[in-house]
């Protein structure tokens, strides 16, 4: 299998795990992720500690040759 990079992360990007907006717990894995053809990835999160659910959206940068 050949794995290819679909996007580039800017050098100054801060990649971090989201915190639950209700209790502040750090979340590790999204319950669901969906790619939008307009260039966004939507992540649905569910907090294991308090059960709060929320959605985040990430802009995908096009791959530059």
PDB file of N, CA and C in Angstrom:
ATOM      1  N   UNK A   1       0.843  -1.170   0.000  1.00  0.00           N
ATOM      2  CA  UNK A   1       0.000   0.000   0.000  1.00  0.00           C
ATOM      3  C   UNK A   1       0.890   1.235   0.000  1.00  0.00           C
ATOM      4  N   UNK A   2       0.490   2.216  -0.767  1.00  0.00           N
ATOM      5  CA  UNK A   2       1.223   3.476  -0.870  1.00  0.00           C
ATOM      6  C   UNK A   2       0.438   4.560  -0.152  1.00  0.00           C
ATOM      7  N   UNK A   3       1.026   5.184   0.848  1.00  0.00           N
ATOM      8  CA  UNK A   3       0.360   6.252   1.591  1.00  0.00           C
ATOM      9  C   UNK A   3       0.874   7.585   1.073  1.00  0.00           C
ATOM     10  N   UNK A   4      -0.040   8.477   0.726  1.00  0.00           N
ATOM     11  CA  UNK A   4       0.330   9.782   0.212  1.00  0.00           C
ATOM     12  C   UNK A   4      -0.199  10.875   1.120  1.00  0.00           C
ATOM     13  N   UNK A   5       0.518  11.958   1.197  1.00  0.00           N
ATOM     14  CA  UNK A   5       0.078  13.102   1.968  1.00  0.00           C
ATOM     15  C   UNK A   5      -0.965  13.874   1.168  1.00  0.00           C
ATOM     16  N   UNK A   6      -2.111  14.115   1.755  1.00  0.00           N
ATOM     17  CA  UNK A   6      -3.193  14.803   1.059  1.00  0.00           C
ATOM     18  C   UNK A   6      -3.099  16.319   1.229  1.00  0.00           C
ATOM     19  N   UNK A   7      -2.401  16.777   2.241  1.00  0.00           N
ATOM     20  CA  UNK A   7      -2.294  18.210   2.477  1.00  0.00           C
ATOM     21  C   UNK A   7      -1.007  18.512   3.207  1.00  0.00           C
ATOM     22  N   UNK A   8      -0.627  19.757   3.174  1.00  0.00           N
ATOM     23  CA  UNK A   8       0.562  20.212   3.888  1.00  0.00           C
ATOM     24  C   UNK A   8       0.138  21.002   5.113  1.00  0.00           C
ATOM     25  N   UNK A   9       0.858  20.811   6.181  1.00  0.00           N
ATOM     26  CA  UNK A   9       0.610  21.564   7.400  1.00  0.00           C
ATOM     27  C   UNK A   9       1.628  22.696   7.453  1.00  0.00           C
ATOM     28  N   UNK A  10       1.161  23.936   7.580  1.00  0.00           N
ATOM     29  CA  UNK A  10       2.111  25.050   7.672  1.00  0.00           C
ATOM     30  C   UNK A  10       3.069  24.859   8.849  1.00  0.00           C
ATOM     31  N   UNK A  11       4.298  25.323   8.694  1.00  0.00           N
ATOM     32  CA  UNK A  11       5.323  25.145   9.722  1.00  0.00           C
ATOM     33  C   UNK A  11       4.913  25.775  11.048  1.00  0.00           C
ATOM     34  N   UNK A  12       4.115  26.831  11.001  1.00  0.00           N
ATOM     35  CA  UNK A  12       3.726  27.517  12.243  1.00  0.00           C
ATOM     36  C   UNK A  12       2.399  27.005  12.814  1.00  0.00           C
ATOM     37  N   UNK A  13       1.846  25.931  12.235  1.00  0.00           N
ATOM     38  CA  UNK A  13       0.567  25.388  12.718  1.00  0.00           C
ATOM     39  C   UNK A  13       0.758  24.733  14.085  1.00  0.00           C
ATOM     40  N   UNK A  14      -0.209  24.940  14.946  1.00  0.00           N
ATOM     41  CA  UNK A  14      -0.187  24.315  16.261  1.00  0.00           C
ATOM     42  C   UNK A  14      -1.159  23.146  16.244  1.00  0.00           C
ATOM     43  N   UNK A  15      -0.616  21.940  16.260  1.00  0.00           N
ATOM     44  CA  UNK A  15      -1.453  20.751  16.268  1.00  0.00           C
ATOM     45  C   UNK A  15      -1.637  20.311  17.707  1.00  0.00           C
ATOM     46  N   UNK A  16      -2.849  20.399  18.184  1.00  0.00           N
ATOM     47  CA  UNK A  16      -3.108  20.020  19.563  1.00  0.00           C
ATOM     48  C   UNK A  16      -4.458  19.323  19.647  1.00  0.00           C
ATOM     49  N   UNK A  17      -4.679  18.650  20.719  1.00  0.00           N
ATOM     50  CA  UNK A  17      -5.939  17.960  20.960  1.00  0.00           C
ATOM     51  C   UNK A  17      -6.954  18.959  21.504  1.00  0.00           C
ATOM     52  N   UNK A  18      -8.216  18.836  21.090  1.00  0.00           N
ATOM     53  CA  UNK A  18      -9.223  19.757  21.612  1.00  0.00           C
ATOM     54  C   UNK A  18      -9.576  19.429  23.057  1.00  0.00           C
ATOM     55  N   UNK A  19     -10.056  20.444  23.735  1.00  0.00           N
ATOM     56  CA  UNK A  19     -10.546  20.267  25.105  1.00  0.00           C
ATOM     57  C   UNK A  19     -12.062  20.386  25.086  1.00  0.00           C
ATOM     58  N   UNK A  20     -12.706  19.624  25.930  1.00  0.00           N
ATOM     59  CA  UNK A  20     -14.163  19.684  26.042  1.00  0.00           C
ATOM     60  C   UNK A  20     -14.566  21.082  26.503  1.00  0.00           C
ATOM     61  N   UNK A  21     -15.489  21.731  25.787  1.00  0.00           N
ATOM     62  CA  UNK A  21     -15.902  23.075  26.207  1.00  0.00           C
ATOM     63  C   UNK A  21     -16.681  23.085  27.523  1.00  0.00           C
ATOM     64  N   UNK A  22     -17.209  21.942  27.932  1.00  0.00           N
ATOM     65  CA  UNK A  22     -17.974  21.886  29.178  1.00  0.00           C
ATOM     66  C   UNK A  22     -17.084  21.632  30.394  1.00  0.00           C
ATOM     67  N   UNK A  23     -16.222  20.581  30.333  1.00  0.00           N
ATOM     68  CA  UNK A  23     -15.456  20.206  31.532  1.00  0.00           C
ATOM     69  C   UNK A  23     -13.943  20.420  31.395  1.00  0.00           C
ATOM     70  N   UNK A  24     -13.449  20.672  30.183  1.00  0.00           N
ATOM     71  CA  UNK A  24     -12.034  20.944  29.993  1.00  0.00           C
ATOM     72  C   UNK A  24     -11.154  19.722  29.801  1.00  0.00           C
ATOM     73  N   UNK A  25     -11.727  18.526  29.759  1.00  0.00           N
ATOM     74  CA  UNK A  25     -10.927  17.315  29.536  1.00  0.00           C
ATOM     75  C   UNK A  25     -10.340  17.322  28.131  1.00  0.00           C
ATOM     76  N   UNK A  26      -9.121  16.816  27.998  1.00  0.00           N
ATOM     77  CA  UNK A  26      -8.486  16.698  26.691  1.00  0.00           C
ATOM     78  C   UNK A  26      -9.007  15.448  25.999  1.00  0.00           C
ATOM     79  N   UNK A  27      -9.413  15.597  24.747  1.00  0.00           N
ATOM     80  CA  UNK A  27      -9.950  14.482  23.984  1.00  0.00           C
ATOM     81  C   UNK A  27      -8.881  13.957  23.032  1.00  0.00           C
ATOM     82  N   UNK A  28      -8.862  12.651  22.813  1.00  0.00           N
ATOM     83  CA  UNK A  28      -7.810  12.049  22.010  1.00  0.00           C
ATOM     84  C   UNK A  28      -8.238  11.685  20.599  1.00  0.00           C
ATOM     85  N   UNK A  29      -9.437  11.123  20.434  1.00  0.00           N
ATOM     86  CA  UNK A  29      -9.867  10.628  19.133  1.00  0.00           C
ATOM     87  C   UNK A  29     -11.292  11.100  18.852  1.00  0.00           C
ATOM     88  N   UNK A  30     -11.516  11.591  17.647  1.00  0.00           N
ATOM     89  CA  UNK A  30     -12.860  12.011  17.243  1.00  0.00           C
ATOM     90  C   UNK A  30     -13.753  10.792  17.064  1.00  0.00           C
ATOM     91  N   UNK A  31     -15.020  10.944  17.383  1.00  0.00           N
ATOM     92  CA  UNK A  31     -15.994   9.874  17.177  1.00  0.00           C
ATOM     93  C   UNK A  31     -16.231   9.646  15.687  1.00  0.00           C
ATOM     94  N   UNK A  32     -16.209  10.737  14.921  1.00  0.00           N
ATOM     95  CA  UNK A  32     -16.474  10.654  13.494  1.00  0.00           C
ATOM     96  C   UNK A  32     -15.758  11.804  12.796  1.00  0.00           C
ATOM     97  N   UNK A  33     -15.290  11.548  11.577  1.00  0.00           N
ATOM     98  CA  UNK A  33     -14.664  12.582  10.755  1.00  0.00           C
ATOM     99  C   UNK A  33     -15.253  12.504   9.355  1.00  0.00           C
ATOM    100  N   UNK A  34     -15.470  13.659   8.744  1.00  0.00           N
ATOM    101  CA  UNK A  34     -16.036  13.694   7.396  1.00  0.00           C
ATOM    102  C   UNK A  34     -15.337  14.770   6.593  1.00  0.00           C
ATOM    103  N   UNK A  35     -14.981  14.428   5.358  1.00  0.00           N
ATOM    104  CA  UNK A  35     -14.334  15.371   4.460  1.00  0.00           C
ATOM    105  C   UNK A  35     -15.381  16.077   3.630  1.00  0.00           C
ATOM    106  N   UNK A  36     -15.273  17.406   3.575  1.00  0.00           N
ATOM    107  CA  UNK A  36     -16.160  18.222   2.767  1.00  0.00           C
ATOM    108  C   UNK A  36     -15.398  18.603   1.505  1.00  0.00           C
ATOM    109  N   UNK A  37     -15.977  18.398   0.305  1.00  0.00           N
ATOM    110  CA  UNK A  37     -15.265  18.724  -0.943  1.00  0.00           C
ATOM    111  C   UNK A  37     -14.833  20.192  -1.051  1.00  0.00           C
ATOM    112  N   UNK A  38     -15.368  21.062  -0.214  1.00  0.00           N
ATOM    113  CA  UNK A  38     -14.969  22.473  -0.234  1.00  0.00           C
ATOM    114  C   UNK A  38     -13.668  22.715   0.519  1.00  0.00           C
ATOM    115  N   UNK A  39     -13.037  21.640   1.008  1.00  0.00           N
ATOM    116  CA  UNK A  39     -11.733  21.782   1.645  1.00  0.00           C
ATOM    117  C   UNK A  39     -11.746  21.831   3.156  1.00  0.00           C
ATOM    118  N   UNK A  40     -12.702  21.197   3.801  1.00  0.00           N
ATOM    119  CA  UNK A  40     -12.748  21.171   5.260  1.00  0.00           C
ATOM    120  C   UNK A  40     -12.937  19.739   5.743  1.00  0.00           C
ATOM    121  N   UNK A  41     -12.396  19.437   6.908  1.00  0.00           N
ATOM    122  CA  UNK A  41     -12.651  18.165   7.571  1.00  0.00           C
ATOM    123  C   UNK A  41     -13.403  18.481   8.852  1.00  0.00           C
ATOM    124  N   UNK A  42     -14.543  17.843   9.018  1.00  0.00           N
ATOM    125  CA  UNK A  42     -15.396  18.065  10.189  1.00  0.00           C
ATOM    126  C   UNK A  42     -15.231  16.884  11.137  1.00  0.00           C
ATOM    127  N   UNK A  43     -14.896  17.176  12.392  1.00  0.00           N
ATOM    128  CA  UNK A  43     -14.719  16.147  13.417  1.00  0.00           C
ATOM    129  C   UNK A  43     -15.834  16.272  14.447  1.00  0.00           C
ATOM    130  N   UNK A  44     -16.462  15.156  14.766  1.00  0.00           N
ATOM    131  CA  UNK A  44     -17.476  15.106  15.819  1.00  0.00           C
ATOM    132  C   UNK A  44     -16.828  14.454  17.040  1.00  0.00           C
ATOM    133  N   UNK A  45     -16.905  15.137  18.179  1.00  0.00           N
ATOM    134  CA  UNK A  45     -16.254  14.694  19.416  1.00  0.00           C
ATOM    135  C   UNK A  45     -17.294  14.373  20.470  1.00  0.00           C
ATOM    136  N   UNK A  46     -16.961  13.440  21.364  1.00  0.00           N
ATOM    137  CA  UNK A  46     -17.803  13.108  22.508  1.00  0.00           C
ATOM    138  C   UNK A  46     -16.887  12.931  23.712  1.00  0.00           C
ATOM    139  N   UNK A  47     -17.116  13.713  24.740  1.00  0.00           N
ATOM    140  CA  UNK A  47     -16.271  13.681  25.936  1.00  0.00           C
ATOM    141  C   UNK A  47     -16.582  12.440  26.771  1.00  0.00           C
ATOM    142  N   UNK A  48     -15.554  11.668  27.094  1.00  0.00           N
ATOM    143  CA  UNK A  48     -15.726  10.470  27.920  1.00  0.00           C
ATOM    144  C   UNK A  48     -16.060  10.825  29.367  1.00  0.00           C
ATOM    145  N   UNK A  49     -15.638  11.998  29.825  1.00  0.00           N
ATOM    146  CA  UNK A  49     -15.847  12.367  31.226  1.00  0.00           C
ATOM    147  C   UNK A  49     -17.239  12.911  31.514  1.00  0.00           C
ATOM    148  N   UNK A  50     -17.765  13.779  30.619  1.00  0.00           N
ATOM    149  CA  UNK A  50     -19.059  14.400  30.920  1.00  0.00           C
ATOM    150  C   UNK A  50     -20.136  14.117  29.873  1.00  0.00           C
ATOM    151  N   UNK A  51     -19.758  13.478  28.739  1.00  0.00           N
ATOM    152  CA  UNK A  51     -20.742  13.133  27.720  1.00  0.00           C
ATOM    153  C   UNK A  51     -21.076  14.245  26.743  1.00  0.00           C
ATOM    154  N   UNK A  52     -20.468  15.408  26.890  1.00  0.00           N
ATOM    155  CA  UNK A  52     -20.734  16.524  25.987  1.00  0.00           C
ATOM    156  C   UNK A  52     -20.284  16.178  24.572  1.00  0.00           C
ATOM    157  N   UNK A  53     -21.091  16.538  23.576  1.00  0.00           N
ATOM    158  CA  UNK A  53     -20.725  16.339  22.176  1.00  0.00           C
ATOM    159  C   UNK A  53     -20.595  17.686  21.489  1.00  0.00           C
ATOM    160  N   UNK A  54     -19.584  17.810  20.621  1.00  0.00           N
ATOM    161  CA  UNK A  54     -19.382  19.044  19.876  1.00  0.00           C
ATOM    162  C   UNK A  54     -18.653  18.733  18.583  1.00  0.00           C
ATOM    163  N   UNK A  55     -18.608  19.707  17.688  1.00  0.00           N
ATOM    164  CA  UNK A  55     -18.018  19.536  16.361  1.00  0.00           C
ATOM    165  C   UNK A  55     -16.931  20.581  16.158  1.00  0.00           C
ATOM    166  N   UNK A  56     -15.818  20.149  15.537  1.00  0.00           N
ATOM    167  CA  UNK A  56     -14.784  21.085  15.110  1.00  0.00           C
ATOM    168  C   UNK A  56     -14.615  20.942  13.603  1.00  0.00           C
ATOM    169  N   UNK A  57     -14.068  21.966  12.986  1.00  0.00           N
ATOM    170  CA  UNK A  57     -13.857  21.955  11.541  1.00  0.00           C
ATOM    171  C   UNK A  57     -12.446  22.454  11.253  1.00  0.00           C
ATOM    172  N   UNK A  58     -11.746  21.745  10.362  1.00  0.00           N
ATOM    173  CA  UNK A  58     -10.369  22.073  10.025  1.00  0.00           C
ATOM    174  C   UNK A  58     -10.282  22.352   8.534  1.00  0.00           C
ATOM    175  N   UNK A  59      -9.628  23.444   8.169  1.00  0.00           N
ATOM    176  CA  UNK A  59      -9.412  23.783   6.760  1.00  0.00           C
ATOM    177  C   UNK A  59      -8.252  22.962   6.239  1.00  0.00           C
ATOM    178  N   UNK A  60      -8.430  22.319   5.096  1.00  0.00           N
ATOM    179  CA  UNK A  60      -7.382  21.531   4.471  1.00  0.00           C
ATOM    180  C   UNK A  60      -6.706  22.386   3.417  1.00  0.00           C
ATOM    181  N   UNK A  61      -5.390  22.489   3.513  1.00  0.00           N
ATOM    182  CA  UNK A  61      -4.627  23.262   2.539  1.00  0.00           C
ATOM    183  C   UNK A  61      -4.321  22.379   1.338  1.00  0.00           C
ATOM    184  N   UNK A  62      -4.467  22.886   0.130  1.00  0.00           N
ATOM    185  CA  UNK A  62      -4.149  22.064  -1.044  1.00  0.00           C
ATOM    186  C   UNK A  62      -2.668  21.703  -1.098  1.00  0.00           C
ATOM    187  N   UNK A  63      -2.398  20.545  -1.633  1.00  0.00           N
ATOM    188  CA  UNK A  63      -1.029  20.076  -1.761  1.00  0.00           C
ATOM    189  C   UNK A  63      -0.287  20.911  -2.796  1.00  0.00           C
ATOM    190  N   UNK A  64       0.906  21.340  -2.431  1.00  0.00           N
ATOM    191  CA  UNK A  64       1.714  22.151  -3.353  1.00  0.00           C
ATOM    192  C   UNK A  64       2.880  21.302  -3.852  1.00  0.00           C
ATOM    193  N   UNK A  65       3.083  21.329  -5.131  1.00  0.00           N
ATOM    194  CA  UNK A  65       4.163  20.517  -5.733  1.00  0.00           C
ATOM    195  C   UNK A  65       5.514  21.142  -5.519  1.00  0.00           C
TER     196      UNK A  65
END
